[in-house]
PDB file of N, CA and C in Angstrom:
ATOM      1  N   MET A   1       0.853  -1.175   0.000  1.00  0.00           N
ATOM      2  CA  MET A   1       0.000   0.000   0.000  1.00  0.00           C
ATOM      3  C   MET A   1       0.899   1.239   0.000  1.00  0.00           C
ATOM      4  N   VAL A   2       1.391   1.596  -1.154  1.00  0.00           N
ATOM      5  CA  VAL A   2       2.291   2.728  -1.312  1.00  0.00           C
ATOM      6  C   VAL A   2       1.581   4.046  -1.035  1.00  0.00           C
ATOM      7  N   THR A   3       0.323   4.148  -1.412  1.00  0.00           N
ATOM      8  CA  THR A   3      -0.409   5.406  -1.299  1.00  0.00           C
ATOM      9  C   THR A   3      -0.960   5.665   0.095  1.00  0.00           C
ATOM     10  N   GLY A   4      -1.018   4.629   0.919  1.00  0.00           N
ATOM     11  CA  GLY A   4      -1.667   4.772   2.214  1.00  0.00           C
ATOM     12  C   GLY A   4      -3.177   4.631   2.109  1.00  0.00           C
ATOM     13  N   ILE A   5      -3.663   4.287   0.927  1.00  0.00           N
ATOM     14  CA  ILE A   5      -5.096   4.121   0.679  1.00  0.00           C
ATOM     15  C   ILE A   5      -5.343   2.667   0.305  1.00  0.00           C
ATOM     16  N   ASP A   6      -6.263   2.027   0.983  1.00  0.00           N
ATOM     17  CA  ASP A   6      -6.647   0.668   0.634  1.00  0.00           C
ATOM     18  C   ASP A   6      -7.558   0.757  -0.583  1.00  0.00           C
ATOM     19  N   LEU A   7      -7.010   0.469  -1.765  1.00  0.00           N
ATOM     20  CA  LEU A   7      -7.753   0.670  -3.008  1.00  0.00           C
ATOM     21  C   LEU A   7      -8.933  -0.283  -3.150  1.00  0.00           C
ATOM     22  N   VAL A   8      -8.805  -1.509  -2.665  1.00  0.00           N
ATOM     23  CA  VAL A   8      -9.915  -2.463  -2.749  1.00  0.00           C
ATOM     24  C   VAL A   8     -11.077  -1.985  -1.884  1.00  0.00           C
ATOM     25  N   LYS A   9     -10.773  -1.590  -0.649  1.00  0.00           N
ATOM     26  CA  LYS A   9     -11.819  -1.081   0.243  1.00  0.00           C
ATOM     27  C   LYS A   9     -12.466   0.174  -0.352  1.00  0.00           C
ATOM     28  N   THR A  10     -11.642   1.039  -0.914  1.00  0.00           N
ATOM     29  CA  THR A  10     -12.153   2.271  -1.512  1.00  0.00           C
ATOM     30  C   THR A  10     -13.076   1.968  -2.684  1.00  0.00           C
ATOM     31  N   GLN A  11     -12.706   1.006  -3.528  1.00  0.00           N
ATOM     32  CA  GLN A  11     -13.553   0.634  -4.667  1.00  0.00           C
ATOM     33  C   GLN A  11     -14.905   0.105  -4.198  1.00  0.00           C
ATOM     34  N   ILE A  12     -14.895  -0.673  -3.125  1.00  0.00           N
ATOM     35  CA  ILE A  12     -16.147  -1.213  -2.589  1.00  0.00           C
ATOM     36  C   ILE A  12     -17.037  -0.087  -2.077  1.00  0.00           C
ATOM     37  N   PHE A  13     -16.453   0.857  -1.332  1.00  0.00           N
ATOM     38  CA  PHE A  13     -17.239   1.979  -0.818  1.00  0.00           C
ATOM     39  C   PHE A  13     -17.779   2.855  -1.948  1.00  0.00           C
ATOM     40  N   VAL A  14     -16.960   3.119  -2.965  1.00  0.00           N
ATOM     41  CA  VAL A  14     -17.407   3.937  -4.089  1.00  0.00           C
ATOM     42  C   VAL A  14     -18.538   3.229  -4.828  1.00  0.00           C
ATOM     43  N   ALA A  15     -18.412   1.916  -5.022  1.00  0.00           N
ATOM     44  CA  ALA A  15     -19.469   1.149  -5.683  1.00  0.00           C
ATOM     45  C   ALA A  15     -20.765   1.186  -4.879  1.00  0.00           C
ATOM     46  N   ALA A  16     -20.637   1.319  -3.557  1.00  0.00           N
ATOM     47  CA  ALA A  16     -21.819   1.393  -2.696  1.00  0.00           C
ATOM     48  C   ALA A  16     -22.427   2.799  -2.669  1.00  0.00           C
ATOM     49  N   GLY A  17     -21.762   3.761  -3.336  1.00  0.00           N
ATOM     50  CA  GLY A  17     -22.328   5.104  -3.438  1.00  0.00           C
ATOM     51  C   GLY A  17     -21.698   6.147  -2.530  1.00  0.00           C
ATOM     52  N   PHE A  18     -20.652   5.778  -1.789  1.00  0.00           N
ATOM     53  CA  PHE A  18     -19.983   6.749  -0.922  1.00  0.00           C
ATOM     54  C   PHE A  18     -19.131   7.687  -1.760  1.00  0.00           C
ATOM     55  N   LYS A  19     -19.024   8.938  -1.335  1.00  0.00           N
ATOM     56  CA  LYS A  19     -18.144   9.903  -1.983  1.00  0.00           C
ATOM     57  C   LYS A  19     -16.741   9.738  -1.429  1.00  0.00           C
ATOM     58  N   LEU A  20     -15.744  10.153  -2.214  1.00  0.00           N
ATOM     59  CA  LEU A  20     -14.357   9.981  -1.785  1.00  0.00           C
ATOM     60  C   LEU A  20     -14.039  10.745  -0.505  1.00  0.00           C
ATOM     61  N   ASP A  21     -14.723  11.861  -0.260  1.00  0.00           N
ATOM     62  CA  ASP A  21     -14.427  12.635   0.944  1.00  0.00           C
ATOM     63  C   ASP A  21     -15.297  12.221   2.130  1.00  0.00           C
ATOM     64  N   SER A  22     -15.986  11.086   2.024  1.00  0.00           N
ATOM     65  CA  SER A  22     -16.796  10.613   3.154  1.00  0.00           C
ATOM     66  C   SER A  22     -15.888  10.144   4.285  1.00  0.00           C
ATOM     67  N   LYS A  23     -16.451  10.041   5.470  1.00  0.00           N
ATOM     68  CA  LYS A  23     -15.638   9.637   6.627  1.00  0.00           C
ATOM     69  C   LYS A  23     -15.156   8.193   6.505  1.00  0.00           C
ATOM     70  N   GLU A  24     -15.839   7.371   5.694  1.00  0.00           N
ATOM     71  CA  GLU A  24     -15.417   5.992   5.510  1.00  0.00           C
ATOM     72  C   GLU A  24     -14.190   5.874   4.600  1.00  0.00           C
ATOM     73  N   ILE A  25     -14.105   6.741   3.593  1.00  0.00           N
ATOM     74  CA  ILE A  25     -13.005   6.648   2.627  1.00  0.00           C
ATOM     75  C   ILE A  25     -11.862   7.593   2.989  1.00  0.00           C
ATOM     76  N   LYS A  26     -12.188   8.794   3.408  1.00  0.00           N
ATOM     77  CA  LYS A  26     -11.214   9.782   3.895  1.00  0.00           C
ATOM     78  C   LYS A  26     -10.180  10.222   2.864  1.00  0.00           C
ATOM     79  N   ILE A  27     -10.624  10.511   1.644  1.00  0.00           N
ATOM     80  CA  ILE A  27      -9.727  11.111   0.651  1.00  0.00           C
ATOM     81  C   ILE A  27     -10.198  12.540   0.456  1.00  0.00           C
ATOM     82  N   TYR A  28      -9.461  13.468   1.036  1.00  0.00           N
ATOM     83  CA  TYR A  28      -9.831  14.877   0.985  1.00  0.00           C
ATOM     84  C   TYR A  28      -8.937  15.600  -0.005  1.00  0.00           C
ATOM     85  N   GLY A  29      -9.356  16.748  -0.465  1.00  0.00           N
ATOM     86  CA  GLY A  29      -8.550  17.550  -1.386  1.00  0.00           C
ATOM     87  C   GLY A  29      -8.321  16.832  -2.699  1.00  0.00           C
ATOM     88  N   GLN A  30      -9.392  16.485  -3.377  1.00  0.00           N
ATOM     89  CA  GLN A  30      -9.295  15.687  -4.588  1.00  0.00           C
ATOM     90  C   GLN A  30      -8.715  16.444  -5.769  1.00  0.00           C
ATOM     91  N   GLU A  31      -8.490  17.736  -5.620  1.00  0.00           N
ATOM     92  CA  GLU A  31      -7.937  18.513  -6.725  1.00  0.00           C
ATOM     93  C   GLU A  31      -6.561  17.983  -7.116  1.00  0.00           C
ATOM     94  N   SER A  32      -5.809  17.476  -6.161  1.00  0.00           N
ATOM     95  CA  SER A  32      -4.451  17.017  -6.448  1.00  0.00           C
ATOM     96  C   SER A  32      -4.354  15.492  -6.481  1.00  0.00           C
ATOM     97  N   LEU A  33      -5.483  14.815  -6.517  1.00  0.00           N
ATOM     98  CA  LEU A  33      -5.487  13.355  -6.523  1.00  0.00           C
ATOM     99  C   LEU A  33      -5.482  12.837  -7.959  1.00  0.00           C
ATOM    100  N   HIS A  34      -4.503  12.026  -8.273  1.00  0.00           N
ATOM    101  CA  HIS A  34      -4.402  11.427  -9.595  1.00  0.00           C
ATOM    102  C   HIS A  34      -4.183   9.937  -9.425  1.00  0.00           C
ATOM    103  N   LEU A  35      -5.003   9.158 -10.072  1.00  0.00           N
ATOM    104  CA  LEU A  35      -4.856   7.708 -10.030  1.00  0.00           C
ATOM    105  C   LEU A  35      -4.527   7.204 -11.421  1.00  0.00           C
ATOM    106  N   LYS A  36      -3.559   6.338 -11.495  1.00  0.00           N
ATOM    107  CA  LYS A  36      -3.245   5.707 -12.764  1.00  0.00           C
ATOM    108  C   LYS A  36      -3.452   4.218 -12.578  1.00  0.00           C
ATOM    109  N   ILE A  37      -4.341   3.671 -13.379  1.00  0.00           N
ATOM    110  CA  ILE A  37      -4.650   2.256 -13.280  1.00  0.00           C
ATOM    111  C   ILE A  37      -4.331   1.625 -14.620  1.00  0.00           C
ATOM    112  N   GLN A  38      -3.574   0.544 -14.575  1.00  0.00           N
ATOM    113  CA  GLN A  38      -3.224  -0.157 -15.793  1.00  0.00           C
ATOM    114  C   GLN A  38      -3.751  -1.580 -15.702  1.00  0.00           C
ATOM    115  N   LYS A  39      -4.524  -1.942 -16.692  1.00  0.00           N
ATOM    116  CA  LYS A  39      -5.074  -3.289 -16.730  1.00  0.00           C
ATOM    117  C   LYS A  39      -4.470  -3.999 -17.929  1.00  0.00           C
ATOM    118  N   THR A  40      -3.910  -5.149 -17.692  1.00  0.00           N
ATOM    119  CA  THR A  40      -3.347  -5.918 -18.785  1.00  0.00           C
ATOM    120  C   THR A  40      -4.047  -7.263 -18.856  1.00  0.00           C
ATOM    121  N   THR A  41      -4.127  -7.782 -20.041  1.00  0.00           N
ATOM    122  CA  THR A  41      -4.731  -9.094 -20.236  1.00  0.00           C
ATOM    123  C   THR A  41      -3.765  -9.964 -21.022  1.00  0.00           C
ATOM    124  N   LEU A  42      -3.933 -11.233 -20.872  1.00  0.00           N
ATOM    125  CA  LEU A  42      -3.090 -12.175 -21.579  1.00  0.00           C
ATOM    126  C   LEU A  42      -3.999 -13.089 -22.383  1.00  0.00           C
ATOM    127  N   ASN A  43      -3.721 -13.167 -23.664  1.00  0.00           N
ATOM    128  CA  ASN A  43      -4.474 -14.052 -24.534  1.00  0.00           C
ATOM    129  C   ASN A  43      -3.934 -15.472 -24.327  1.00  0.00           C
ATOM    130  N   PRO A  44      -4.713 -16.378 -23.752  1.00  0.00           N
ATOM    131  CA  PRO A  44      -4.204 -17.717 -23.447  1.00  0.00           C
ATOM    132  C   PRO A  44      -3.789 -18.492 -24.699  1.00  0.00           C
ATOM    133  N   ILE A  45      -4.373 -18.188 -25.839  1.00  0.00           N
ATOM    134  CA  ILE A  45      -3.993 -18.892 -27.064  1.00  0.00           C
ATOM    135  C   ILE A  45      -2.604 -18.449 -27.527  1.00  0.00           C
ATOM    136  N   MET A  46      -2.318 -17.165 -27.406  1.00  0.00           N
ATOM    137  CA  MET A  46      -1.026 -16.631 -27.830  1.00  0.00           C
ATOM    138  C   MET A  46       0.079 -16.910 -26.819  1.00  0.00           C
ATOM    139  N   ALA A  47      -0.251 -17.303 -25.604  1.00  0.00           N
ATOM    140  CA  ALA A  47       0.736 -17.518 -24.550  1.00  0.00           C
ATOM    141  C   ALA A  47       1.473 -18.850 -24.698  1.00  0.00           C
ATOM    142  N   ARG A  48       0.987 -19.704 -25.567  1.00  0.00           N
ATOM    143  CA  ARG A  48       1.622 -21.020 -25.724  1.00  0.00           C
ATOM    144  C   ARG A  48       2.908 -20.971 -26.468  1.00  0.00           C
TER     145      ARG A  48
END
């Protein structure tokens, strides 16, 4: 947890409708918040 934010817990709360600055999530000052998410996939047919 490099950011100090539990991203899995945060995703669950956001999916439940909580705002990022809620007391459950505690991410304040969103003006300077930047998230970079990279998703990669592997084609199992090409992996052989």
